[in-house]
N, C-alpha and C. Protein backbone atom coordinates (compact mmCIF):
# COMPACT_ATOMS: atom_id res chain seq x y z
N MET A 1 152.94 235.27 147.93
CA MET A 1 153.68 236.17 147.17
C MET A 1 153.31 237.55 147.74
N GLU A 2 154.33 238.38 148.12
CA GLU A 2 154.09 239.69 148.59
C GLU A 2 153.85 240.66 147.72
N LEU A 3 152.84 241.46 147.78
CA LEU A 3 152.32 242.40 146.64
C LEU A 3 152.89 243.61 146.69
N ASP A 4 153.36 244.03 147.81
CA ASP A 4 154.33 245.25 147.89
C ASP A 4 155.81 245.00 147.01
N ASN A 5 156.25 244.14 147.27
CA ASN A 5 157.48 243.72 146.37
C ASN A 5 157.29 243.80 144.94
N LEU A 6 156.22 242.82 144.65
CA LEU A 6 155.64 242.71 143.31
C LEU A 6 155.59 244.28 142.69
N ASN A 7 154.74 245.17 143.47
CA ASN A 7 154.55 246.58 143.01
C ASN A 7 155.97 247.43 142.89
N GLN A 8 156.89 247.02 143.62
CA GLN A 8 158.02 247.77 143.40
C GLN A 8 158.78 247.12 142.16
N GLN A 9 158.76 245.87 142.07
CA GLN A 9 159.34 245.32 140.64
C GLN A 9 158.83 245.60 139.52
N ALA A 10 157.44 245.82 139.51
CA ALA A 10 156.45 246.07 138.34
C ALA A 10 156.85 247.73 137.77
N ALA A 11 157.03 248.40 138.93
CA ALA A 11 157.22 249.87 138.80
C ALA A 11 158.36 250.04 138.11
N ALA A 12 159.56 249.49 138.76
CA ALA A 12 161.06 249.72 138.28
C ALA A 12 161.07 248.85 136.74
N ILE A 13 160.59 248.09 136.55
CA ILE A 13 160.50 247.13 135.33
C ILE A 13 160.02 248.16 134.21
N ALA A 14 158.62 248.73 134.40
CA ALA A 14 158.07 249.64 133.51
C ALA A 14 158.75 250.84 133.19
N GLN A 15 159.19 251.50 134.38
CA GLN A 15 160.23 252.76 134.05
C GLN A 15 161.36 252.48 133.49
N GLU A 16 162.12 251.49 133.51
CA GLU A 16 163.55 251.26 132.78
C GLU A 16 162.94 250.89 131.57
N LEU A 17 162.18 249.88 131.11
CA LEU A 17 161.68 249.77 129.81
C LEU A 17 161.50 250.72 128.96
N ILE A 18 160.71 251.95 129.54
CA ILE A 18 160.30 253.19 128.84
C ILE A 18 161.39 254.09 128.63
N ALA A 19 162.26 253.94 129.41
CA ALA A 19 163.27 254.96 129.25
C ALA A 19 164.37 254.51 128.30
N LEU A 20 164.64 252.73 128.62
CA LEU A 20 165.62 252.23 127.62
C LEU A 20 165.37 252.42 126.23
N ALA A 21 163.77 252.01 125.95
CA ALA A 21 163.32 252.19 124.69
C ALA A 21 163.20 253.69 124.07
N GLY A 22 163.35 254.66 124.78
CA GLY A 22 163.12 256.00 124.37
C GLY A 22 161.85 256.32 123.85
N LEU A 23 160.90 255.72 124.57
CA LEU A 23 159.51 255.88 124.06
C LEU A 23 158.87 257.37 123.91
N GLU A 24 158.25 257.95 123.13
CA GLU A 24 157.80 259.27 123.09
C GLU A 24 156.12 259.26 123.13
N PRO A 25 155.59 260.32 123.76
CA PRO A 25 154.08 260.40 123.60
C PRO A 25 153.52 259.94 122.61
N GLY A 26 152.51 259.06 122.79
CA GLY A 26 151.65 258.85 121.73
C GLY A 26 151.99 257.36 120.74
N GLN A 27 153.11 256.75 121.63
CA GLN A 27 153.61 255.61 121.07
C GLN A 27 152.98 254.37 121.92
N ILE A 28 153.15 253.11 121.48
CA ILE A 28 152.40 252.16 121.93
C ILE A 28 153.52 251.14 122.93
N LEU A 29 153.08 250.57 123.94
CA LEU A 29 153.92 249.75 124.70
C LEU A 29 152.78 248.52 124.94
N VAL A 30 153.27 247.34 124.38
CA VAL A 30 152.57 246.04 124.47
C VAL A 30 152.96 245.22 125.47
N VAL A 31 152.19 244.78 126.33
CA VAL A 31 152.47 243.84 127.51
C VAL A 31 151.66 242.42 127.66
N GLY A 32 152.45 241.15 127.46
CA GLY A 32 151.74 240.12 127.71
C GLY A 32 152.31 239.65 129.14
N CYS A 33 151.30 238.87 129.94
CA CYS A 33 151.79 238.76 131.17
C CYS A 33 151.05 237.50 131.66
N SER A 34 151.76 236.29 132.07
CA SER A 34 151.24 235.17 132.86
C SER A 34 151.42 235.39 134.19
N THR A 35 150.26 235.68 134.97
CA THR A 35 150.32 235.79 136.36
C THR A 35 150.42 234.38 137.04
N SER A 36 150.12 233.48 136.30
CA SER A 36 150.66 232.20 136.87
C SER A 36 152.09 231.98 137.13
N GLU A 37 152.80 232.41 136.01
CA GLU A 37 154.21 232.24 136.11
C GLU A 37 154.71 233.39 137.03
N VAL A 38 154.15 234.34 137.02
CA VAL A 38 154.48 235.35 138.18
C VAL A 38 154.64 234.68 139.58
N ARG A 39 153.48 233.78 139.54
CA ARG A 39 153.24 233.22 141.06
C ARG A 39 154.14 231.81 141.09
N GLY A 40 155.15 231.53 140.06
CA GLY A 40 155.74 230.23 140.25
C GLY A 40 155.16 229.22 139.57
N GLU A 41 154.22 229.40 138.93
CA GLU A 41 153.32 228.12 138.34
C GLU A 41 153.48 228.17 136.87
N LYS A 42 152.90 227.04 136.27
CA LYS A 42 152.94 226.73 134.94
C LYS A 42 151.80 227.75 134.14
N ILE A 43 152.47 228.46 132.95
CA ILE A 43 151.35 229.59 132.42
C ILE A 43 150.07 228.88 132.21
N GLY A 44 149.17 229.37 132.41
CA GLY A 44 147.75 229.15 132.30
C GLY A 44 147.06 228.29 133.23
N THR A 45 147.70 228.07 134.57
CA THR A 45 147.26 227.32 135.37
C THR A 45 146.97 227.82 136.62
N ALA A 46 147.33 228.96 136.90
CA ALA A 46 146.88 229.60 138.30
C ALA A 46 147.15 231.20 138.30
N GLY A 47 146.16 231.56 137.33
CA GLY A 47 146.12 232.99 137.15
C GLY A 47 145.60 233.70 138.55
N SER A 48 145.90 235.01 138.73
CA SER A 48 145.56 235.76 139.80
C SER A 48 145.02 237.07 139.45
N ASP A 49 143.82 237.42 139.87
CA ASP A 49 143.31 238.86 139.99
C ASP A 49 144.06 239.67 140.65
N GLN A 50 144.65 239.16 142.00
CA GLN A 50 145.63 240.33 142.62
C GLN A 50 146.77 240.57 142.03
N VAL A 51 147.49 239.72 141.68
CA VAL A 51 148.70 239.79 140.84
C VAL A 51 148.48 240.54 139.77
N ALA A 52 147.44 240.39 138.84
CA ALA A 52 147.30 241.16 137.66
C ALA A 52 146.97 242.55 137.90
N ALA A 53 146.12 242.82 139.35
CA ALA A 53 145.79 244.26 139.54
C ALA A 53 147.06 244.92 139.78
N SER A 54 147.82 244.34 140.71
CA SER A 54 148.97 244.97 141.15
C SER A 54 150.07 245.42 139.90
N ILE A 55 149.97 244.58 138.93
CA ILE A 55 150.97 244.71 137.94
C ILE A 55 150.37 245.80 137.03
N LEU A 56 149.00 245.62 136.66
CA LEU A 56 148.51 246.61 135.87
C LEU A 56 148.44 247.95 136.44
N ASP A 57 148.03 248.25 137.53
CA ASP A 57 148.33 249.58 138.08
C ASP A 57 149.49 250.17 137.92
N ASN A 58 150.68 249.66 138.04
CA ASN A 58 151.96 250.16 137.76
C ASN A 58 152.19 250.37 136.28
N LEU A 59 151.67 249.62 135.31
CA LEU A 59 151.82 249.84 133.78
C LEU A 59 151.09 250.96 133.54
N ILE A 60 149.80 251.04 134.06
CA ILE A 60 148.94 252.32 133.80
C ILE A 60 149.55 253.53 134.15
N THR A 61 150.07 253.66 135.24
CA THR A 61 150.59 254.94 135.92
C THR A 61 151.92 255.17 135.00
N ALA A 62 152.91 254.24 134.84
CA ALA A 62 154.01 254.58 133.92
C ALA A 62 153.78 255.09 132.55
N CYS A 63 152.68 254.47 132.06
CA CYS A 63 152.37 254.72 130.78
C CYS A 63 151.49 256.06 130.46
N ARG A 64 150.65 256.52 131.32
CA ARG A 64 149.93 257.81 131.67
C ARG A 64 150.82 258.86 131.75
N GLU A 65 151.69 258.73 132.71
CA GLU A 65 152.83 259.72 133.11
C GLU A 65 153.48 260.18 131.68
N ARG A 66 153.65 259.19 130.72
CA ARG A 66 154.53 259.76 129.67
C ARG A 66 153.66 259.68 128.41
N GLY A 67 152.31 259.54 128.45
CA GLY A 67 151.46 259.84 127.39
C GLY A 67 151.73 258.71 126.53
N LEU A 68 151.98 257.48 127.06
CA LEU A 68 151.84 256.48 126.10
C LEU A 68 150.56 255.52 125.90
N PHE A 69 150.53 254.84 124.91
CA PHE A 69 149.26 253.98 124.97
C PHE A 69 149.68 252.48 125.32
N LEU A 70 148.82 251.94 126.15
CA LEU A 70 149.38 250.66 126.67
C LEU A 70 148.25 249.54 125.94
N ALA A 71 148.88 248.47 125.57
CA ALA A 71 148.03 247.40 124.84
C ALA A 71 148.41 246.13 125.94
N ILE A 72 147.36 245.49 126.26
CA ILE A 72 147.43 244.54 126.92
C ILE A 72 147.03 243.04 126.17
N GLN A 73 148.06 242.22 126.01
CA GLN A 73 147.79 241.06 125.41
C GLN A 73 147.01 239.95 126.17
N CYS A 74 146.08 239.50 125.25
CA CYS A 74 145.17 238.24 125.93
C CYS A 74 145.88 237.23 125.56
N CYS A 75 145.55 236.02 126.20
CA CYS A 75 146.16 234.68 126.15
C CYS A 75 145.70 234.16 124.85
N GLU A 76 146.30 232.88 124.40
CA GLU A 76 146.17 231.94 123.49
C GLU A 76 144.65 231.90 122.88
N HIS A 77 143.76 231.66 123.84
CA HIS A 77 142.36 231.23 123.97
C HIS A 77 141.47 232.60 123.07
N LEU A 78 142.00 233.64 123.24
CA LEU A 78 141.67 234.65 122.30
C LEU A 78 142.60 235.33 121.26
N ASN A 79 143.31 234.17 120.83
CA ASN A 79 144.22 234.46 119.59
C ASN A 79 145.12 235.75 119.86
N ARG A 80 145.43 235.88 121.20
CA ARG A 80 146.39 236.99 121.58
C ARG A 80 145.90 238.35 121.18
N ALA A 81 144.57 238.31 121.17
CA ALA A 81 143.91 239.94 121.04
C ALA A 81 144.41 240.95 122.19
N LEU A 82 143.96 242.11 121.97
CA LEU A 82 144.52 243.13 123.01
C LEU A 82 143.70 243.89 123.60
N VAL A 83 143.69 244.31 124.66
CA VAL A 83 142.88 245.26 125.36
C VAL A 83 143.66 246.62 125.27
N VAL A 84 143.03 247.62 124.56
CA VAL A 84 143.43 249.09 124.65
C VAL A 84 142.33 249.99 125.21
N GLU A 85 142.74 251.16 125.34
CA GLU A 85 141.67 252.41 125.58
C GLU A 85 141.26 252.73 124.28
N LYS A 86 139.86 253.18 124.20
CA LYS A 86 139.17 253.48 123.06
C LYS A 86 140.04 254.75 122.33
N ASP A 87 140.67 255.52 123.00
CA ASP A 87 141.06 256.81 122.26
C ASP A 87 142.21 256.47 121.46
N ILE A 88 143.03 255.34 121.46
CA ILE A 88 143.97 254.98 120.45
C ILE A 88 143.51 254.78 119.07
N LEU A 89 142.11 254.59 118.95
CA LEU A 89 141.53 254.44 117.63
C LEU A 89 141.67 255.41 116.87
N SER A 90 141.57 256.63 117.57
CA SER A 90 141.64 257.98 116.77
C SER A 90 143.17 258.19 116.32
N HIS A 91 144.21 257.55 116.77
CA HIS A 91 145.65 257.67 116.69
C HIS A 91 146.08 256.59 115.58
N TYR A 92 145.85 255.37 115.75
CA TYR A 92 145.90 254.46 114.83
C TYR A 92 144.77 253.76 113.99
N PRO A 93 145.29 253.00 113.00
CA PRO A 93 144.22 252.24 112.42
C PRO A 93 143.72 251.00 112.70
N LEU A 94 143.25 250.71 113.85
CA LEU A 94 142.91 249.48 114.58
C LEU A 94 141.30 249.46 114.44
N GLU A 95 140.77 248.19 114.30
CA GLU A 95 139.60 247.90 114.42
C GLU A 95 139.21 246.89 115.53
N PRO A 96 138.24 247.30 116.59
CA PRO A 96 137.85 246.66 117.48
C PRO A 96 137.08 245.36 116.97
N VAL A 97 137.30 244.37 118.03
CA VAL A 97 136.43 243.19 117.67
C VAL A 97 135.46 242.88 118.94
N SER A 98 134.81 241.90 118.79
CA SER A 98 133.62 241.52 119.87
C SER A 98 134.16 240.35 120.63
N VAL A 99 134.50 240.72 122.02
CA VAL A 99 134.98 239.81 122.87
C VAL A 99 135.23 240.26 124.07
N VAL A 100 135.07 239.77 125.30
CA VAL A 100 135.19 240.35 126.72
C VAL A 100 136.26 239.18 127.35
N PRO A 101 137.53 239.58 127.52
CA PRO A 101 138.62 238.79 128.07
C PRO A 101 137.88 238.43 129.67
N VAL A 102 138.18 237.42 129.85
CA VAL A 102 137.83 236.92 131.30
C VAL A 102 139.05 236.06 131.53
N PRO A 103 139.58 235.58 133.04
CA PRO A 103 140.58 235.01 133.55
C PRO A 103 141.00 233.83 132.66
N HIS A 104 140.03 233.04 132.43
CA HIS A 104 140.11 231.69 131.81
C HIS A 104 140.18 231.75 130.35
N ALA A 105 139.62 232.87 129.90
CA ALA A 105 139.64 233.16 128.39
C ALA A 105 140.22 234.51 127.95
N GLY A 106 141.27 234.76 127.94
CA GLY A 106 141.88 236.17 127.87
C GLY A 106 143.04 236.31 128.81
N GLY A 107 142.98 235.70 130.06
CA GLY A 107 144.15 235.85 130.92
C GLY A 107 143.59 236.85 132.19
N ALA A 108 144.26 236.76 133.10
CA ALA A 108 143.91 237.58 134.28
C ALA A 108 144.41 239.14 134.06
N LEU A 109 145.38 239.39 133.32
CA LEU A 109 145.92 240.66 133.07
C LEU A 109 144.96 241.43 132.07
N ALA A 110 144.39 240.77 130.93
CA ALA A 110 143.53 241.25 130.39
C ALA A 110 142.19 241.42 130.78
N ALA A 111 141.92 240.53 131.66
CA ALA A 111 140.36 240.47 132.28
C ALA A 111 140.65 241.98 133.35
N GLN A 112 141.73 242.09 133.93
CA GLN A 112 141.77 243.14 134.77
C GLN A 112 141.93 244.49 134.04
N ALA A 113 142.33 244.51 132.75
CA ALA A 113 142.54 245.85 132.04
C ALA A 113 141.02 246.05 131.41
N ILE A 114 140.09 245.23 131.27
CA ILE A 114 138.79 245.34 130.86
C ILE A 114 138.28 246.19 132.22
N LYS A 115 138.39 245.82 133.09
CA LYS A 115 137.79 246.40 134.34
C LYS A 115 138.40 247.78 134.60
N CYS A 116 139.70 247.98 134.40
CA CYS A 116 140.37 249.33 134.78
C CYS A 116 140.51 250.25 133.82
N PHE A 117 140.73 249.73 132.71
CA PHE A 117 140.82 250.94 131.59
C PHE A 117 139.66 251.80 131.47
N ARG A 118 139.88 253.17 131.24
CA ARG A 118 138.72 254.12 131.01
C ARG A 118 137.50 253.76 130.16
N GLN A 119 137.93 253.32 129.12
CA GLN A 119 137.10 253.01 127.90
C GLN A 119 137.63 251.94 127.12
N PRO A 120 137.62 250.78 127.76
CA PRO A 120 138.39 249.57 127.09
C PRO A 120 137.75 248.87 125.64
N VAL A 121 138.64 248.75 124.70
CA VAL A 121 138.13 248.10 123.65
C VAL A 121 139.21 246.94 123.31
N VAL A 122 138.89 246.01 122.61
CA VAL A 122 139.75 244.67 122.17
C VAL A 122 139.79 245.01 120.70
N VAL A 123 140.90 244.89 120.38
CA VAL A 123 141.64 244.90 118.98
C VAL A 123 142.32 243.40 118.44
N GLU A 124 142.27 243.09 117.38
CA GLU A 124 143.01 241.82 116.87
C GLU A 124 144.49 241.97 116.74
N THR A 125 144.91 242.99 116.72
CA THR A 125 146.50 243.27 116.10
C THR A 125 146.90 244.38 116.52
N ILE A 126 148.10 244.67 116.72
CA ILE A 126 148.62 246.03 116.76
C ILE A 126 150.15 245.92 116.40
N GLN A 127 150.80 247.19 116.19
CA GLN A 127 152.23 247.23 115.79
C GLN A 127 152.78 248.18 116.77
N ALA A 128 153.09 247.71 118.04
CA ALA A 128 153.69 248.41 119.08
C ALA A 128 155.14 248.87 118.91
N HIS A 129 155.58 249.70 119.54
CA HIS A 129 156.82 250.49 119.56
C HIS A 129 158.03 249.83 120.61
N ALA A 130 157.30 249.09 121.51
CA ALA A 130 158.03 248.52 122.56
C ALA A 130 157.18 247.50 123.27
N GLY A 131 157.86 246.46 123.66
CA GLY A 131 156.91 245.33 124.40
C GLY A 131 157.67 244.81 125.58
N LEU A 132 156.90 244.30 126.56
CA LEU A 132 157.51 243.62 127.77
C LEU A 132 156.65 242.07 127.76
N ASP A 133 157.31 241.06 127.99
CA ASP A 133 156.92 239.87 127.86
C ASP A 133 157.01 238.93 129.38
N ILE A 134 156.28 239.05 129.96
CA ILE A 134 156.22 238.63 131.34
C ILE A 134 155.98 237.12 131.59
N GLY A 135 156.86 236.28 131.54
CA GLY A 135 156.41 234.76 131.71
C GLY A 135 156.29 234.04 130.36
N SER A 136 157.07 234.58 129.31
CA SER A 136 156.90 233.70 128.06
C SER A 136 155.60 233.70 127.47
N THR A 137 154.96 234.96 127.22
CA THR A 137 153.52 234.82 126.62
C THR A 137 153.64 235.20 125.20
N LEU A 138 154.78 235.57 124.69
CA LEU A 138 154.95 235.34 123.05
C LEU A 138 154.17 236.72 122.31
N ILE A 139 154.77 238.21 122.67
CA ILE A 139 154.18 239.32 122.39
C ILE A 139 155.00 239.70 120.81
N GLY A 140 155.91 239.02 120.37
CA GLY A 140 156.43 239.46 119.22
C GLY A 140 155.59 239.82 118.09
N MET A 141 154.42 238.94 117.94
CA MET A 141 153.54 239.21 116.72
C MET A 141 152.82 240.76 116.84
N HIS A 142 152.94 241.32 117.92
CA HIS A 142 152.64 242.83 118.24
C HIS A 142 153.45 243.90 118.17
N LEU A 143 154.80 243.39 117.86
CA LEU A 143 155.88 244.56 117.67
C LEU A 143 155.98 244.90 116.31
N LYS A 144 156.52 246.10 116.08
CA LYS A 144 156.75 246.72 114.64
C LYS A 144 157.77 245.56 114.35
N ARG A 145 158.09 245.70 112.81
CA ARG A 145 158.91 244.77 112.15
C ARG A 145 160.27 244.56 112.62
N VAL A 146 161.15 245.45 113.13
CA VAL A 146 162.31 245.19 113.65
C VAL A 146 162.57 245.44 115.13
N ALA A 147 162.67 244.29 115.63
CA ALA A 147 162.68 244.38 117.28
C ALA A 147 164.14 244.29 117.96
N VAL A 148 164.24 245.14 118.74
CA VAL A 148 165.72 245.01 119.35
C VAL A 148 165.60 244.73 120.70
N PRO A 149 166.19 243.51 121.33
CA PRO A 149 166.33 243.12 122.54
C PRO A 149 166.85 244.30 123.74
N LEU A 150 166.02 244.31 124.69
CA LEU A 150 166.43 245.13 125.77
C LEU A 150 166.96 244.27 126.87
N ARG A 151 167.96 244.82 127.43
CA ARG A 151 168.52 244.04 129.03
C ARG A 151 168.19 244.85 130.03
N LEU A 152 166.96 244.59 130.82
CA LEU A 152 166.56 245.06 131.92
C LEU A 152 167.36 244.69 133.11
N THR A 153 167.36 245.65 134.09
CA THR A 153 167.94 245.27 135.34
C THR A 153 167.53 244.16 136.03
N GLU A 154 166.18 244.20 136.25
CA GLU A 154 165.17 243.00 136.79
C GLU A 154 165.16 242.17 135.71
N LYS A 155 165.52 240.84 136.01
CA LYS A 155 165.21 239.80 135.18
C LYS A 155 164.05 239.11 135.19
N TYR A 156 163.21 239.22 136.52
CA TYR A 156 162.14 238.51 136.83
C TYR A 156 161.26 239.51 137.51
N LEU A 157 159.88 238.91 137.12
CA LEU A 157 158.83 239.79 138.04
C LEU A 157 158.27 238.50 138.84
N GLY A 158 158.39 238.65 140.10
CA GLY A 158 157.84 237.69 140.84
C GLY A 158 158.76 236.41 140.27
N GLN A 159 158.25 235.29 140.00
CA GLN A 159 158.85 234.23 139.70
C GLN A 159 158.87 234.14 137.96
N ALA A 160 158.51 235.12 137.43
CA ALA A 160 158.46 235.01 135.88
C ALA A 160 159.41 235.74 135.23
N TYR A 161 160.10 235.23 134.33
CA TYR A 161 161.02 235.75 133.57
C TYR A 161 160.82 236.81 132.62
N VAL A 162 161.50 237.94 132.54
CA VAL A 162 160.93 239.05 131.81
C VAL A 162 161.71 239.34 130.68
N THR A 163 161.15 239.48 129.48
CA THR A 163 161.90 239.92 128.28
C THR A 163 161.34 241.39 127.80
N ALA A 164 162.09 241.98 127.32
CA ALA A 164 161.92 243.48 126.98
C ALA A 164 162.38 243.88 125.43
N ALA A 165 161.70 244.48 124.80
CA ALA A 165 162.19 244.89 123.54
C ALA A 165 161.71 246.38 123.01
N LYS A 166 162.73 246.83 122.14
CA LYS A 166 161.89 248.17 121.70
C LYS A 166 162.11 247.98 120.06
N THR A 167 161.55 248.94 119.34
CA THR A 167 161.61 248.72 117.89
C THR A 167 162.44 249.84 117.17
N ARG A 168 162.70 249.51 115.88
CA ARG A 168 163.37 250.52 115.14
C ARG A 168 163.02 250.20 113.84
N PRO A 169 162.99 251.55 112.92
CA PRO A 169 162.80 251.24 111.46
C PRO A 169 163.58 250.41 110.71
N LYS A 170 163.26 249.88 109.77
CA LYS A 170 164.24 249.09 108.96
C LYS A 170 165.45 249.74 108.31
N LEU A 171 166.52 249.04 108.38
CA LEU A 171 167.55 249.71 107.79
C LEU A 171 167.96 249.21 106.27
N ILE A 172 167.73 250.12 105.33
CA ILE A 172 167.65 249.72 103.91
C ILE A 172 168.67 250.29 103.02
N GLY A 173 169.06 249.92 102.08
CA GLY A 173 170.06 250.69 100.99
C GLY A 173 171.38 249.76 100.77
N GLY A 174 172.21 249.47 101.60
CA GLY A 174 173.34 248.86 101.54
C GLY A 174 174.56 249.53 101.90
N ALA A 175 175.71 249.32 101.36
CA ALA A 175 177.00 249.72 101.74
C ALA A 175 177.15 251.42 101.74
N ARG A 176 176.46 251.69 100.70
CA ARG A 176 176.47 253.30 100.53
C ARG A 176 175.43 254.25 101.20
N ALA A 177 174.43 253.45 101.77
CA ALA A 177 173.43 254.15 102.69
C ALA A 177 173.93 254.54 103.94
N ILE A 178 173.33 255.88 104.16
CA ILE A 178 173.79 256.71 105.63
C ILE A 178 172.59 256.63 106.35
N TYR A 179 172.71 256.13 107.69
CA TYR A 179 171.60 256.01 108.48
C TYR A 179 171.86 257.22 109.62
N GLY A 180 170.69 257.55 110.29
CA GLY A 180 171.02 258.27 111.31
C GLY A 180 170.90 257.96 112.66
N ASP A 181 171.06 258.60 113.57
CA ASP A 181 171.18 257.88 114.97
C ASP A 181 170.14 256.86 115.25
N ARG A 182 170.21 255.65 115.48
CA ARG A 182 169.52 254.64 115.97
C ARG A 182 169.70 254.11 117.31
């Protein structure tokens, strides 16, 4: 797998998602990723630190440029907990948990986030404003209540299918209700 091509794909996907979702500074982007799937293998069987580093670098850059919080979802062995930067704790009511993701218990991307984030902490759950699912890792549990699918230009990152979503407030009221721009 050519990492230069992967870098370009990851950067393009992150930038397009952030633009389509209309994310604003201080909002949260959750990402789940199977580096095995990116490499064309079955999820959980062939994780790659190099692939994880390549993808994560682009996600961090895109989020920092726009003042967004990035949450990296761990694999099912850690109940899909999330690695976040410690400064998110002063903006959202999240409670840290005690665990250190490693490639075979947390996943390669989460293990990489523990190494690369400035002050990483792990939280059990989050309600993100948008999400990116690379390789069918099932991030839906970490999105706000009403998720809206986004169609990205790039459908794959490496060999992994990419699914993206933004969220919106619930529409309540009924036939007489008036809703602002959504």
